[in-house]
Structure formats: C-alpha cells, structure tokens
Amino acid sequence: MLVITGKTMVYLCVGHPTDHVKAPEVFNDLFRDRGIDAVTIAVDVAPEDLAAFVEATKGWRNLIGFGLTIPHKEAVVPLLDELDPTAQRTRAVNTVRRLPSGRLVGGLFDGLGFVQGLRDAGRDPRGMSVLVVGAGGVGRAIAFALAEAGASSMAIANRSRPRAERLVDDIAQIVPGVSVDVGSIGSGRYDLVVNATSLGMHEDDDLPFALDSLAPGTVVAEAVMSPEVTALLVEAERRGLTPHRGRAMRDAQMDVVARFIGV
C-alpha cells in the first residue's frame, strides 16, 4: 500500500484532458518495484495555463519532473531551460526533469520507444516505406525516429497541410538520406502506416484513415495507448493487416525515461 509522507517525491503527467492517461499506474508500479518513495498523479492543465504551470514547477522542490501528453508536447519547448539532442531536433518534448537548481530539462523518447517497440515485435523499420498520419508532437517524434532508423521513404499526412510540410522540411534537412514528402493513405504503397493522431482515444471517434487501399500484411501501428486495442486495430486485423499496439511505444521507453529523470 502506498504511503505518502513529507519525504515523498512527486512525478506528474500533464495533459488536457487527462482521463485517458495511464502514466500514473505505470510510474507508480515502477516506483514501487524499485523501492522509490515517489508518487505519480495526472494534472489537467489547459493550454492557456501551461506557461504559468511550468514556471511554478521550478520552485517545487520535491518534484522529480513531469511527463507530457496531448496537447502540450510542442508548446512546452520554449518554456524549458534545456533540451536533449532529440528534443532539439524535433522541437517536441514528452519528459521533463527538474534539476535541484530548479532548471527544467526536456527530453523526447516517444520515437525511440516506437522504433524499439517495432523491433521487439520483429518489425525492423529499416528499408520500409512509411506513412505517418499526424504531424503533432508524437507524430514528429515517430517520423524522425523512423527516418533515423533507416526507413527508405516516408510520407506525412496531416489535417493541416502546412504542418505536414514543416515536418517534411525538418526531416529533409536533418536526415537527408530518406525520401520524404507530404502524402496520404491513398497516394502510395506502404509497409507501415502509423496513426499519430489522437483519434481512437474515445469510443465515438472516427477512424483516423481508411484502410481500403492497404495491401494484406501492411503494419498498421497506433500511437494511442488507451484504449489498448483501438477501433483502428480491430478493423486492421479484420482486413488481414498487421496491427501494432501503442502500448509497445510506452513500454519500450520506460527504462530510458526512468534514467533520464534519475530514478
């Protein structure tokens, strides 16, 4: 049983809303298993309050740090004191460590977790033709990581085309070896299609993209972690495609995140 005392450290999961997040359970299990006197809670922070919230955490002396989910992964970047190399490249953050001085250091591990999760399932992305649907914080992380892992070609689809174009330009500059362009579900033949949007978190969500044009065996991967099996994955399996759960991305990055925040 968790006992919170005056010495208990705190780790936060920050989003808006937070009813879908699983980080408190995951990190509380990690702290318990490692014998660490710490607790994780979800914190619902609206976008207009993010700057004030981040500033306040600098003086929170028993704060380990915080994780970030939708919609804060990009917006938090200019509010931090330092970024790790991956966060600098992608301009997105999913984990922040508070140093004893109060400085906040941001890191990004979604892409690393996504690629490692694929590899753990026997699906090395090297040489794959990839479509990433969604160019927000998690989409940027995944797209950069797949490019750096050796994907042969990549298309980016997004509801707002300028955002997709910006991600294409950023990848082309930083990972020049991969062929990357703005695309859509029907504009090419893909080995891997990734849902990096928030569609699928709620029961009444539409599918993020149609599956009609995908060849049998195409890997359809989720970044959505809750529910663990989304409507997209159910439909992909029904059509003879290969579903890949979003939980794999989270599980594969846990040890790296723990080292980053110092636990």
Protein backbone atom coordinates (compact mmCIF):
# COMPACT_ATOMS: atom_id res chain seq x y z
CA MET A 1 0.00 0.00 0.00
CA LEU A 2 1.33 3.41 -0.99
CA VAL A 3 2.04 5.67 1.99
CA ILE A 4 2.67 9.34 1.19
CA THR A 5 4.84 11.21 3.69
CA GLY A 6 6.58 14.56 3.89
CA LYS A 7 9.56 12.96 2.13
CA THR A 8 7.64 11.53 -0.82
CA MET A 9 8.80 12.83 -4.20
CA VAL A 10 6.28 13.67 -6.93
CA TYR A 11 6.19 12.97 -10.68
CA LEU A 12 3.39 14.43 -12.80
CA CYS A 13 1.62 13.51 -16.02
CA VAL A 14 0.46 16.75 -17.64
CA GLY A 15 -2.19 16.91 -20.35
CA HIS A 16 -5.62 18.26 -21.23
CA PRO A 17 -7.78 16.34 -20.64
CA THR A 18 -6.16 13.56 -18.60
CA ASP A 19 -8.95 10.99 -18.28
CA HIS A 20 -7.23 8.73 -20.84
CA VAL A 21 -3.71 8.69 -19.37
CA LYS A 22 -2.15 5.50 -17.97
CA ALA A 23 1.14 7.04 -16.78
CA PRO A 24 0.14 7.23 -13.09
CA GLU A 25 -0.40 3.46 -12.91
CA VAL A 26 2.76 2.72 -14.88
CA PHE A 27 5.07 5.03 -12.93
CA ASN A 28 3.58 4.16 -9.54
CA ASP A 29 4.26 0.49 -10.30
CA LEU A 30 7.82 1.39 -11.34
CA PHE A 31 8.45 3.38 -8.14
CA ARG A 32 7.03 0.57 -6.00
CA ASP A 33 9.07 -2.12 -7.76
CA ARG A 34 12.28 -0.08 -7.37
CA GLY A 35 11.61 0.86 -3.75
CA ILE A 36 11.45 4.58 -4.54
CA ASP A 37 9.45 6.88 -2.24
CA ALA A 38 7.61 8.71 -5.01
CA VAL A 39 4.11 9.08 -6.39
CA THR A 40 2.71 9.97 -9.83
CA ILE A 41 -0.51 11.88 -10.42
CA ALA A 42 -2.21 13.25 -13.53
CA VAL A 43 -2.54 17.03 -13.79
CA ASP A 44 -5.10 18.57 -16.15
CA VAL A 45 -3.62 21.84 -17.42
CA ALA A 46 -5.37 23.81 -20.15
CA PRO A 47 -3.14 25.23 -22.93
CA GLU A 48 -3.63 28.81 -21.77
CA ASP A 49 -2.34 27.86 -18.30
CA LEU A 50 0.71 25.88 -19.40
CA ALA A 51 3.28 28.67 -19.15
CA ALA A 52 2.26 29.60 -15.59
CA PHE A 53 2.21 25.93 -14.59
CA VAL A 54 5.70 25.24 -15.95
CA GLU A 55 7.12 28.32 -14.23
CA ALA A 56 5.61 27.19 -10.92
CA THR A 57 7.27 23.77 -11.13
CA LYS A 58 10.72 25.38 -10.98
CA GLY A 59 10.17 26.11 -7.30
CA TRP A 60 8.60 22.72 -6.49
CA ARG A 61 11.47 21.19 -4.53
CA ASN A 62 10.16 17.63 -4.13
CA LEU A 63 9.22 17.39 -7.82
CA ILE A 64 11.13 14.80 -9.87
CA GLY A 65 9.71 16.14 -13.11
CA PHE A 66 6.75 15.58 -15.39
CA GLY A 67 5.63 13.77 -18.48
CA LEU A 68 3.61 15.49 -21.20
CA THR A 69 0.80 14.29 -23.38
CA ILE A 70 -1.69 15.91 -25.76
CA PRO A 71 -1.73 18.87 -26.40
CA HIS A 72 1.48 20.09 -24.71
CA LYS A 73 4.42 18.27 -26.33
CA GLU A 74 5.34 21.11 -28.69
CA ALA A 75 4.00 24.06 -26.70
CA VAL A 76 6.25 23.28 -23.73
CA VAL A 77 9.51 23.56 -25.70
CA PRO A 78 10.11 27.34 -25.39
CA LEU A 79 9.21 27.20 -21.68
CA LEU A 80 12.12 24.92 -20.73
CA ASP A 81 15.70 25.79 -19.82
CA GLU A 82 17.40 22.99 -21.76
CA LEU A 83 16.58 20.29 -24.33
CA ASP A 84 18.25 16.96 -25.03
CA PRO A 85 19.52 16.44 -28.62
CA THR A 86 16.40 14.58 -29.79
CA ALA A 87 14.08 17.27 -28.43
CA GLN A 88 16.24 19.93 -30.07
CA ARG A 89 15.93 18.22 -33.47
CA THR A 90 12.22 17.51 -33.30
CA ARG A 91 11.09 20.55 -31.26
CA ALA A 92 8.88 18.36 -29.08
CA VAL A 93 9.16 17.00 -25.52
CA ASN A 94 7.43 14.20 -23.64
CA THR A 95 9.51 14.16 -20.43
CA VAL A 96 10.89 16.93 -18.23
CA ARG A 97 13.37 16.53 -15.39
CA ARG A 98 13.60 19.16 -12.67
CA LEU A 99 17.17 19.65 -11.51
CA PRO A 100 17.97 20.62 -7.87
CA SER A 101 18.68 24.14 -9.14
CA GLY A 102 15.13 24.39 -10.48
CA ARG A 103 16.22 24.22 -14.12
CA LEU A 104 13.93 22.18 -16.34
CA VAL A 105 15.44 19.82 -18.92
CA GLY A 106 13.24 18.37 -21.66
CA GLY A 107 13.69 15.07 -23.45
CA LEU A 108 11.77 13.19 -26.13
CA PHE A 109 11.53 9.40 -26.04
CA ASP A 110 8.33 8.55 -27.96
CA GLY A 111 10.22 7.98 -31.20
CA LEU A 112 12.85 5.79 -29.57
CA GLY A 113 10.09 3.81 -27.86
CA PHE A 114 8.10 3.44 -31.06
CA VAL A 115 11.04 2.11 -33.09
CA GLN A 116 12.18 -0.21 -30.31
CA GLY A 117 8.63 -1.47 -29.89
CA LEU A 118 8.54 -2.36 -33.60
CA ARG A 119 11.87 -4.15 -33.34
CA ASP A 120 10.77 -6.06 -30.25
CA ALA A 121 7.84 -7.33 -32.34
CA GLY A 122 10.21 -8.43 -35.12
CA ARG A 123 9.44 -5.48 -37.40
CA ASP A 124 12.61 -3.56 -38.14
CA PRO A 125 11.66 -0.35 -39.97
CA ARG A 126 14.91 -0.26 -41.97
CA GLY A 127 14.04 -0.22 -45.66
CA MET A 128 10.31 0.25 -45.07
CA SER A 129 8.03 2.64 -46.93
CA VAL A 130 6.17 4.53 -44.21
CA LEU A 131 3.14 6.81 -43.87
CA VAL A 132 2.82 8.80 -40.64
CA VAL A 133 -0.65 10.29 -40.14
CA GLY A 134 -0.41 13.23 -37.76
CA ALA A 135 2.34 15.85 -37.52
CA GLY A 136 1.93 16.98 -33.92
CA GLY A 137 4.33 16.21 -31.08
CA VAL A 138 4.10 12.42 -31.18
CA GLY A 139 3.98 12.40 -35.00
CA ARG A 140 7.18 14.42 -35.16
CA ALA A 141 8.89 12.09 -32.68
CA ILE A 142 7.87 8.96 -34.57
CA ALA A 143 8.66 10.36 -38.03
CA PHE A 144 12.15 11.49 -37.04
CA ALA A 145 12.89 8.19 -35.30
CA LEU A 146 11.73 6.12 -38.30
CA ALA A 147 13.82 8.27 -40.65
CA GLU A 148 16.89 7.84 -38.44
CA ALA A 149 16.19 4.09 -38.16
CA GLY A 150 16.59 3.71 -41.92
CA ALA A 151 13.11 3.89 -43.42
CA SER A 152 13.61 4.08 -47.18
CA SER A 153 10.78 6.52 -47.86
CA MET A 154 8.26 8.42 -45.80
CA ALA A 155 5.04 10.34 -46.37
CA ILE A 156 3.49 12.69 -43.83
CA ALA A 157 -0.26 13.29 -43.74
CA ASN A 158 -1.93 15.87 -41.53
CA ARG A 159 -5.26 17.66 -41.34
CA SER A 160 -3.35 20.95 -41.68
CA ARG A 161 -1.10 20.63 -44.73
CA PRO A 162 1.33 23.43 -43.67
CA ARG A 163 2.15 21.49 -40.50
CA ALA A 164 2.87 18.38 -42.58
CA GLU A 165 5.06 20.44 -44.93
CA ARG A 166 7.03 21.83 -42.00
CA LEU A 167 7.75 18.33 -40.69
CA VAL A 168 8.78 17.18 -44.17
CA ASP A 169 11.20 20.11 -44.46
CA ASP A 170 12.64 19.48 -40.99
CA ILE A 171 13.26 15.78 -41.68
CA ALA A 172 14.78 16.51 -45.11
CA GLN A 173 17.28 18.91 -43.51
CA ILE A 174 18.27 16.74 -40.56
CA VAL A 175 18.00 13.22 -42.08
CA PRO A 176 18.83 13.84 -45.76
CA GLY A 177 19.16 10.14 -46.61
CA VAL A 178 15.42 9.44 -46.50
CA SER A 179 12.96 10.34 -49.25
CA VAL A 180 10.17 12.30 -47.53
CA ASP A 181 7.14 14.19 -48.81
CA VAL A 182 3.58 15.13 -47.95
CA GLY A 183 1.28 12.21 -48.74
CA SER A 184 -1.99 10.48 -47.94
CA ILE A 185 -3.33 7.00 -47.31
CA GLY A 186 -4.16 6.57 -50.99
CA SER A 187 -1.05 8.12 -52.51
CA GLY A 188 1.36 5.22 -52.30
CA ARG A 189 2.09 1.63 -51.28
CA TYR A 190 3.26 1.40 -47.68
CA ASP A 191 4.82 -1.26 -45.48
CA LEU A 192 3.92 0.64 -42.31
CA VAL A 193 1.15 3.15 -41.58
CA VAL A 194 1.16 4.95 -38.22
CA ASN A 195 -1.74 6.68 -36.51
CA ALA A 196 -0.05 9.57 -34.69
CA THR A 197 -3.29 11.49 -34.16
CA SER A 198 -5.50 11.47 -31.06
CA LEU A 199 -8.33 9.72 -32.94
CA GLY A 200 -9.08 6.42 -31.25
CA MET A 201 -8.93 7.61 -27.66
CA HIS A 202 -12.71 7.88 -27.45
CA GLU A 203 -15.32 5.29 -28.32
CA ASP A 204 -17.16 7.52 -30.79
CA ASP A 205 -14.05 8.68 -32.70
CA ASP A 206 -13.91 8.18 -36.44
CA LEU A 207 -11.08 6.04 -37.80
CA PRO A 208 -8.06 8.27 -38.45
CA PHE A 209 -7.77 6.94 -42.02
CA ALA A 210 -9.40 4.43 -44.36
CA LEU A 211 -7.78 1.02 -44.76
CA ASP A 212 -9.17 0.05 -48.18
CA SER A 213 -6.01 0.79 -50.16
CA LEU A 214 -3.58 -1.10 -47.91
CA ALA A 215 -2.15 -4.42 -49.04
CA PRO A 216 -2.59 -7.51 -46.85
CA GLY A 217 0.09 -7.71 -44.18
CA THR A 218 0.73 -3.95 -44.03
CA VAL A 219 1.62 -2.99 -40.46
CA VAL A 220 -0.97 -0.59 -39.00
CA ALA A 221 0.53 0.95 -35.88
CA GLU A 222 -1.04 3.03 -33.13
CA ALA A 223 0.43 5.78 -31.01
CA VAL A 224 -2.79 5.81 -28.96
CA MET A 225 -2.16 3.82 -25.78
CA SER A 226 -5.62 3.90 -24.21
CA PRO A 227 -7.70 2.01 -25.08
CA GLU A 228 -5.04 -0.61 -25.69
CA VAL A 229 -6.96 -2.03 -28.65
CA THR A 230 -8.48 0.79 -30.69
CA ALA A 231 -11.16 0.55 -33.35
CA LEU A 232 -8.40 1.07 -35.94
CA LEU A 233 -6.51 -2.01 -34.75
CA VAL A 234 -9.68 -4.11 -34.67
CA GLU A 235 -10.54 -3.11 -38.23
CA ALA A 236 -6.93 -3.65 -39.40
CA GLU A 237 -6.92 -7.20 -38.08
CA ARG A 238 -10.34 -7.90 -39.62
CA ARG A 239 -8.95 -6.89 -43.03
CA GLY A 240 -5.86 -9.10 -42.84
CA LEU A 241 -3.47 -6.28 -41.94
CA THR A 242 -0.93 -6.46 -39.12
CA PRO A 243 -1.95 -4.44 -36.02
CA HIS A 244 0.70 -2.96 -33.71
CA ARG A 245 -0.41 -1.57 -30.36
CA GLY A 246 0.50 1.85 -28.98
CA ARG A 247 1.43 0.31 -25.64
CA ALA A 248 4.60 -1.07 -27.24
CA MET A 249 5.88 2.51 -27.65
CA ARG A 250 5.33 3.27 -23.97
CA ASP A 251 6.77 0.02 -22.62
CA ALA A 252 9.91 0.24 -24.77
CA GLN A 253 10.84 3.71 -23.48
CA MET A 254 10.22 3.22 -19.76
CA ASP A 255 13.79 2.34 -18.73
CA VAL A 256 15.22 5.24 -20.74
CA VAL A 257 12.71 7.69 -19.26
CA ALA A 258 13.49 6.41 -15.76
CA ARG A 259 17.21 7.03 -16.27
CA PHE A 260 16.52 10.49 -17.66
CA ILE A 261 14.50 11.57 -14.61
CA GLY A 262 17.06 9.99 -12.27
CA VAL A 263 15.15 7.06 -10.83
